[in-house]
């Protein structure tokens, strides 16, 4: 049976179950969200070349069958751990470390091309004495040169107390199946936490805002700073079976608002069209998406926005 076939088949009884939590940690842009999507088998977390894309703990739910067990792994895709400077930064880093608490396995993902040692080395120090079973995962093996990669693995392996070291490409999926198999074997026996058809704990409203935010990053690249977010406003199920979604894009300054709008509204139309298409495919129904842009200089000091993002208000 495949992962999709799950716990029960027509010819036999339900398999015994295992269920556990896997926390995915790392510096910003290490590929954590891409790996979570690969393990789940579909998109549950947004990805971007822009650092610090993930803000709150997003749970992906992966299923796997091996060794006579049907296993559910609750994957905690945490924000990247970095040196926090602002309230939003502190909230994100706090969320990342909370995501690792009481996990059955902790993956430390490293981008061997960028490394980000100023963030990686303090993280290794903090992880060293934690009781969770830890794995070092070196990403982007499809692009990294072999000798420097092996040297980095040896160096980091000596600095951290890792049970195993894995070499993968989260983008291509190379090495991910082997990692998934090992992780499934570590999960304790027990009932599943979620129904078998659920792939994330994120509400449709939150997922919809995340998909729009991903398009902001994809289409505006370096033109739009990290200081932007998307807020849900209305979520209406129409009588014809389609879904009407209203969202507010929040930026810090008026000139950023003009960038998001684009000449004659061309940019926001492009962002909306791409997000609408992806949401329609993801939700399996026609989506009407309405976007508007608001400039709010101190939006990152708004407690309500933190609650919408699933972050704790950190002083």
Protein backbone atom coordinates (compact mmCIF):
# COMPACT_ATOMS: atom_id res chain seq x y z
CA UNK A 1 0.00 0.00 0.00
CA UNK A 2 1.05 3.58 -0.60
CA UNK A 3 1.05 6.40 1.95
CA UNK A 4 -2.25 7.53 0.45
CA UNK A 5 -3.88 4.13 0.99
CA UNK A 6 -3.51 4.54 4.74
CA UNK A 7 -4.71 2.51 7.64
CA UNK A 8 -7.17 0.02 6.19
CA UNK A 9 -7.62 -2.03 3.07
CA UNK A 10 -10.42 -4.24 1.79
CA UNK A 11 -8.60 -7.51 2.41
CA UNK A 12 -7.64 -7.05 6.04
CA UNK A 13 -8.17 -5.28 9.34
CA UNK A 14 -6.88 -1.81 10.21
CA UNK A 15 -3.17 -1.67 10.92
CA UNK A 16 -1.85 -0.72 14.35
CA UNK A 17 -1.07 2.99 14.49
CA UNK A 18 1.80 5.21 15.49
CA UNK A 19 1.67 8.97 15.95
CA UNK A 20 4.27 11.54 16.89
CA UNK A 21 5.62 15.04 16.41
CA UNK A 22 8.58 16.08 14.25
CA UNK A 23 9.90 19.64 14.62
CA UNK A 24 11.74 21.16 11.67
CA UNK A 25 14.21 23.85 12.78
CA UNK A 26 16.81 25.90 10.95
CA UNK A 27 17.99 29.33 9.93
CA UNK A 28 15.74 31.35 7.59
CA UNK A 29 15.53 30.02 4.04
CA UNK A 30 17.05 26.62 4.83
CA UNK A 31 14.20 24.85 3.00
CA UNK A 32 12.04 23.83 5.97
CA UNK A 33 8.68 24.57 4.34
CA UNK A 34 9.71 22.82 1.12
CA UNK A 35 10.67 19.70 3.10
CA UNK A 36 7.38 19.72 5.03
CA UNK A 37 5.46 19.93 1.74
CA UNK A 38 7.48 16.98 0.38
CA UNK A 39 6.84 14.85 3.46
CA UNK A 40 3.11 15.60 3.42
CA UNK A 41 2.90 15.03 -0.33
CA UNK A 42 1.17 18.31 -1.08
CA UNK A 43 1.47 21.99 -0.32
CA UNK A 44 0.69 22.99 3.27
CA UNK A 45 3.27 25.73 3.81
CA UNK A 46 4.28 28.64 1.61
CA UNK A 47 7.78 28.83 0.20
CA UNK A 48 9.80 31.75 -1.07
CA UNK A 49 13.37 32.72 -1.85
CA UNK A 50 12.79 35.55 0.61
CA UNK A 51 14.11 34.81 4.10
CA UNK A 52 11.76 34.47 7.09
CA UNK A 53 8.75 33.48 4.96
CA UNK A 54 7.22 31.22 7.62
CA UNK A 55 6.04 33.28 10.58
CA UNK A 56 3.97 31.03 12.83
CA UNK A 57 4.19 27.33 13.58
CA UNK A 58 2.41 25.65 10.67
CA UNK A 59 1.53 22.01 11.19
CA UNK A 60 1.69 19.62 8.27
CA UNK A 61 0.37 16.08 8.72
CA UNK A 62 2.24 13.29 6.92
CA UNK A 63 1.12 9.67 6.66
CA UNK A 64 3.36 6.67 6.09
CA UNK A 65 3.01 2.92 6.17
CA UNK A 66 5.96 0.70 7.07
CA UNK A 67 6.88 -2.19 9.39
CA UNK A 68 3.22 -3.18 9.68
CA UNK A 69 2.20 0.19 11.13
CA UNK A 70 0.21 3.11 9.77
CA UNK A 71 2.00 6.21 11.03
CA UNK A 72 0.87 9.80 11.33
CA UNK A 73 3.63 12.38 11.73
CA UNK A 74 2.67 15.86 12.86
CA UNK A 75 5.28 18.11 11.27
CA UNK A 76 5.91 21.44 12.95
CA UNK A 77 7.23 23.80 10.26
CA UNK A 78 8.76 26.50 12.44
CA UNK A 79 9.86 30.02 11.57
CA UNK A 80 13.55 30.35 10.86
CA UNK A 81 15.65 30.99 13.96
CA UNK A 82 17.64 34.21 13.69
CA UNK A 83 18.84 37.09 15.88
CA UNK A 84 15.60 38.89 16.78
CA UNK A 85 15.51 42.68 16.65
CA UNK A 86 11.83 43.61 16.65
CA UNK A 87 8.72 42.38 18.47
CA UNK A 88 7.66 40.36 15.41
CA UNK A 89 11.13 38.79 15.22
CA UNK A 90 11.01 37.82 18.91
CA UNK A 91 7.55 36.29 18.50
CA UNK A 92 8.71 34.22 15.53
CA UNK A 93 11.84 32.90 17.27
CA UNK A 94 9.80 32.08 20.37
CA UNK A 95 7.35 30.13 18.19
CA UNK A 96 10.22 28.19 16.63
CA UNK A 97 11.67 26.99 19.94
CA UNK A 98 8.21 26.19 21.32
CA UNK A 99 7.66 24.02 18.26
CA UNK A 100 10.58 21.80 19.29
CA UNK A 101 9.31 21.16 22.82
CA UNK A 102 8.34 17.56 23.51
CA UNK A 103 8.87 16.57 19.86
CA UNK A 104 9.65 12.92 19.16
CA UNK A 105 12.30 14.03 16.66
CA UNK A 106 13.93 17.35 15.83
CA UNK A 107 15.36 18.04 12.38
CA UNK A 108 17.98 20.78 12.08
CA UNK A 109 18.00 21.82 8.43
CA UNK A 110 21.06 23.50 6.99
CA UNK A 111 21.59 25.16 3.63
CA UNK A 112 25.22 24.22 2.84
CA UNK A 113 25.46 26.96 0.21
CA UNK A 114 24.62 29.89 2.52
CA UNK A 115 25.17 28.22 5.93
CA UNK A 116 24.30 31.41 7.91
CA UNK A 117 26.80 30.47 10.61
CA UNK A 118 25.99 33.49 12.77
CA UNK A 119 22.56 31.90 13.31
CA UNK A 120 23.51 28.25 12.93
CA UNK A 121 26.22 28.05 15.61
CA UNK A 122 24.11 29.49 18.47
CA UNK A 123 21.32 27.13 17.41
CA UNK A 124 23.65 24.13 17.65
CA UNK A 125 24.66 25.25 21.12
CA UNK A 126 21.03 25.48 22.28
CA UNK A 127 20.12 22.13 20.74
CA UNK A 128 23.10 20.29 22.23
CA UNK A 129 21.56 19.62 25.64
CA UNK A 130 17.94 19.19 24.58
CA UNK A 131 16.50 15.70 25.27
CA UNK A 132 14.74 15.24 21.91
CA UNK A 133 16.21 12.85 19.32
CA UNK A 134 17.98 15.14 16.85
CA UNK A 135 18.87 14.74 13.18
CA UNK A 136 21.07 16.94 11.03
CA UNK A 137 19.59 17.41 7.56
CA UNK A 138 21.84 18.96 4.92
CA UNK A 139 19.67 20.33 2.14
CA UNK A 140 20.32 21.24 -1.51
CA UNK A 141 22.62 18.29 -2.24
CA UNK A 142 21.64 18.70 -5.90
CA UNK A 143 23.57 21.99 -5.93
CA UNK A 144 26.30 21.56 -3.31
CA UNK A 145 29.78 20.24 -4.11
CA UNK A 146 30.55 16.89 -2.52
CA UNK A 147 33.83 17.55 -0.69
CA UNK A 148 32.79 20.78 1.08
CA UNK A 149 29.43 19.15 1.89
CA UNK A 150 31.07 16.18 3.60
CA UNK A 151 33.45 18.48 5.48
CA UNK A 152 30.50 20.57 6.72
CA UNK A 153 28.63 17.43 7.80
CA UNK A 154 31.62 16.26 9.83
CA UNK A 155 32.11 19.69 11.45
CA UNK A 156 28.46 20.15 12.40
CA UNK A 157 28.15 16.53 13.47
CA UNK A 158 30.93 17.09 16.01
CA UNK A 159 29.30 20.28 17.32
CA UNK A 160 25.87 18.74 17.84
CA UNK A 161 24.55 15.56 19.42
CA UNK A 162 22.86 14.12 16.31
CA UNK A 163 21.49 10.60 16.03
CA UNK A 164 21.97 10.63 12.24
CA UNK A 165 22.97 12.93 9.39
CA UNK A 166 20.93 13.01 6.18
CA UNK A 167 21.70 14.53 2.80
CA UNK A 168 18.61 15.59 0.85
CA UNK A 169 17.19 17.94 -1.74
CA UNK A 170 13.86 19.22 -0.42
CA UNK A 171 13.17 20.72 -3.84
CA UNK A 172 13.65 17.56 -5.93
CA UNK A 173 12.73 15.09 -3.20
CA UNK A 174 16.09 13.32 -3.37
CA UNK A 175 16.67 11.47 -0.08
CA UNK A 176 13.32 12.52 1.41
CA UNK A 177 11.69 9.07 1.19
CA UNK A 178 14.50 7.51 3.22
CA UNK A 179 14.27 10.25 5.83
CA UNK A 180 10.48 9.83 6.05
CA UNK A 181 10.82 6.09 6.56
CA UNK A 182 13.27 6.54 9.43
CA UNK A 183 11.15 9.23 11.10
CA UNK A 184 8.02 7.08 10.88
CA UNK A 185 9.85 4.27 12.67
CA UNK A 186 10.65 6.59 15.58
CA UNK A 187 7.07 7.63 16.26
CA UNK A 188 5.49 6.04 19.36
CA UNK A 189 2.55 3.69 19.12
CA UNK A 190 -0.75 5.44 19.69
CA UNK A 191 -3.91 6.85 18.18
CA UNK A 192 -3.70 9.41 15.40
CA UNK A 193 -4.23 13.04 16.42
CA UNK A 194 -6.00 14.04 13.19
CA UNK A 195 -8.37 12.45 10.64
CA UNK A 196 -6.55 10.66 7.83
CA UNK A 197 -7.69 13.13 5.16
CA UNK A 198 -6.41 16.20 7.05
CA UNK A 199 -3.05 17.54 5.83
CA UNK A 200 -2.68 20.66 7.99
CA UNK A 201 -4.05 22.27 11.14
CA UNK A 202 -4.18 25.64 9.40
CA UNK A 203 -7.69 26.97 8.83
CA UNK A 204 -8.74 27.67 5.24
CA UNK A 205 -8.77 31.38 6.12
CA UNK A 206 -5.15 31.33 7.29
CA UNK A 207 -4.07 29.20 4.34
CA UNK A 208 -5.76 31.65 1.96
CA UNK A 209 -3.87 34.61 3.43
CA UNK A 210 -0.61 32.68 3.29
CA UNK A 211 -1.07 31.88 -0.40
CA UNK A 212 -1.68 35.56 -1.18
CA UNK A 213 1.40 36.50 0.86
CA UNK A 214 3.45 33.98 -1.10
CA UNK A 215 2.39 35.65 -4.35
CA UNK A 216 3.42 39.03 -2.93
CA UNK A 217 6.93 37.69 -2.40
CA UNK A 218 7.08 35.83 -5.70
CA UNK A 219 5.94 38.70 -7.89
CA UNK A 220 7.60 41.61 -6.12
CA UNK A 221 10.91 39.94 -5.19
CA UNK A 222 13.20 42.55 -3.64
CA UNK A 223 10.88 45.47 -4.37
CA UNK A 224 8.74 44.73 -1.32
CA UNK A 225 10.46 44.50 2.07
CA UNK A 226 9.74 41.86 4.65
CA UNK A 227 7.44 44.37 6.41
CA UNK A 228 4.18 43.24 4.82
CA UNK A 229 1.39 40.90 5.77
CA UNK A 230 -2.04 39.75 4.59
CA UNK A 231 -5.12 39.91 6.83
CA UNK A 232 -8.39 38.01 6.38
CA UNK A 233 -11.54 40.13 6.21
CA UNK A 234 -14.50 38.17 4.82
CA UNK A 235 -14.91 34.49 3.94
CA UNK A 236 -18.34 33.89 2.38
CA UNK A 237 -19.71 30.65 0.95
CA UNK A 238 -21.99 31.68 -1.93
CA UNK A 239 -25.22 29.84 -2.75
CA UNK A 240 -23.82 28.82 -6.16
CA UNK A 241 -21.08 26.77 -4.41
CA UNK A 242 -18.28 29.28 -5.00
CA UNK A 243 -16.26 31.01 -2.30
CA UNK A 244 -15.87 34.76 -1.84
CA UNK A 245 -12.71 35.86 -0.03
CA UNK A 246 -11.79 39.42 0.95
CA UNK A 247 -8.25 40.18 2.17
CA UNK A 248 -6.26 43.22 3.17
CA UNK A 249 -2.59 43.53 2.20
CA UNK A 250 -0.81 45.60 4.86
CA UNK A 251 2.47 47.41 4.18
CA UNK A 252 4.44 49.88 6.28
CA UNK A 253 4.65 52.88 3.95
CA UNK A 254 2.59 54.53 1.24
CA UNK A 255 5.29 54.10 -1.42
CA UNK A 256 5.12 50.32 -0.74
CA UNK A 257 1.37 50.52 -1.24
CA UNK A 258 1.94 52.00 -4.69
CA UNK A 259 4.40 49.19 -5.52
CA UNK A 260 1.82 46.53 -4.58
CA UNK A 261 -0.89 48.26 -6.62
CA UNK A 262 1.34 48.69 -9.69
CA UNK A 263 0.66 50.94 -12.65
CA UNK A 264 -3.08 51.15 -13.19
CA UNK A 265 -3.58 48.40 -10.60
CA UNK A 266 -1.70 45.88 -12.77
CA UNK A 267 0.40 44.33 -9.98
CA UNK A 268 -2.41 43.69 -7.51
CA UNK A 269 -4.47 42.19 -10.35
CA UNK A 270 -1.60 39.83 -11.18
CA UNK A 271 -1.13 38.85 -7.52
CA UNK A 272 -4.87 38.29 -7.12
CA UNK A 273 -5.17 36.20 -10.28
CA UNK A 274 -2.32 33.86 -9.29
CA UNK A 275 -3.55 33.49 -5.70
CA UNK A 276 -7.13 32.92 -6.87
CA UNK A 277 -6.09 30.16 -9.28
CA UNK A 278 -4.05 28.35 -6.63
CA UNK A 279 -6.82 28.66 -4.03
CA UNK A 280 -9.41 27.31 -6.49
CA UNK A 281 -7.23 24.25 -7.17
CA UNK A 282 -6.42 23.73 -3.49
CA UNK A 283 -9.98 24.10 -2.19
CA UNK A 284 -11.65 22.38 -5.14
CA UNK A 285 -14.14 25.17 -5.79
CA UNK A 286 -14.38 28.45 -7.65
CA UNK A 287 -12.90 31.34 -5.68
CA UNK A 288 -13.65 35.06 -5.99
CA UNK A 289 -10.73 36.92 -4.39
CA UNK A 290 -10.92 40.62 -3.54
CA UNK A 291 -7.73 42.39 -2.41
CA UNK A 292 -7.05 45.90 -1.22
CA UNK A 293 -3.87 47.50 0.15
CA UNK A 294 -3.46 49.55 3.30
CA UNK A 295 -0.34 51.39 4.53
CA UNK A 296 -0.01 51.16 8.33
CA UNK A 297 3.38 52.25 9.64
CA UNK A 298 3.28 50.31 12.93
CA UNK A 299 1.26 47.26 11.91
CA UNK A 300 3.89 45.00 13.52
CA UNK A 301 2.86 46.42 16.91
CA UNK A 302 -0.79 45.37 16.51
CA UNK A 303 -1.68 42.53 18.91
CA UNK A 304 -4.69 41.51 16.80
CA UNK A 305 -2.45 40.83 13.78
CA UNK A 306 -0.27 38.52 15.90
CA UNK A 307 -3.35 36.54 16.91
CA UNK A 308 -4.36 36.22 13.23
CA UNK A 309 -0.89 34.86 12.40
CA UNK A 310 -0.98 32.39 15.30
CA UNK A 311 1.88 34.10 17.13
CA UNK A 312 2.15 34.92 20.82
CA UNK A 313 2.44 38.59 21.81
CA UNK A 314 6.08 38.77 22.96
CA UNK A 315 7.26 41.85 24.83
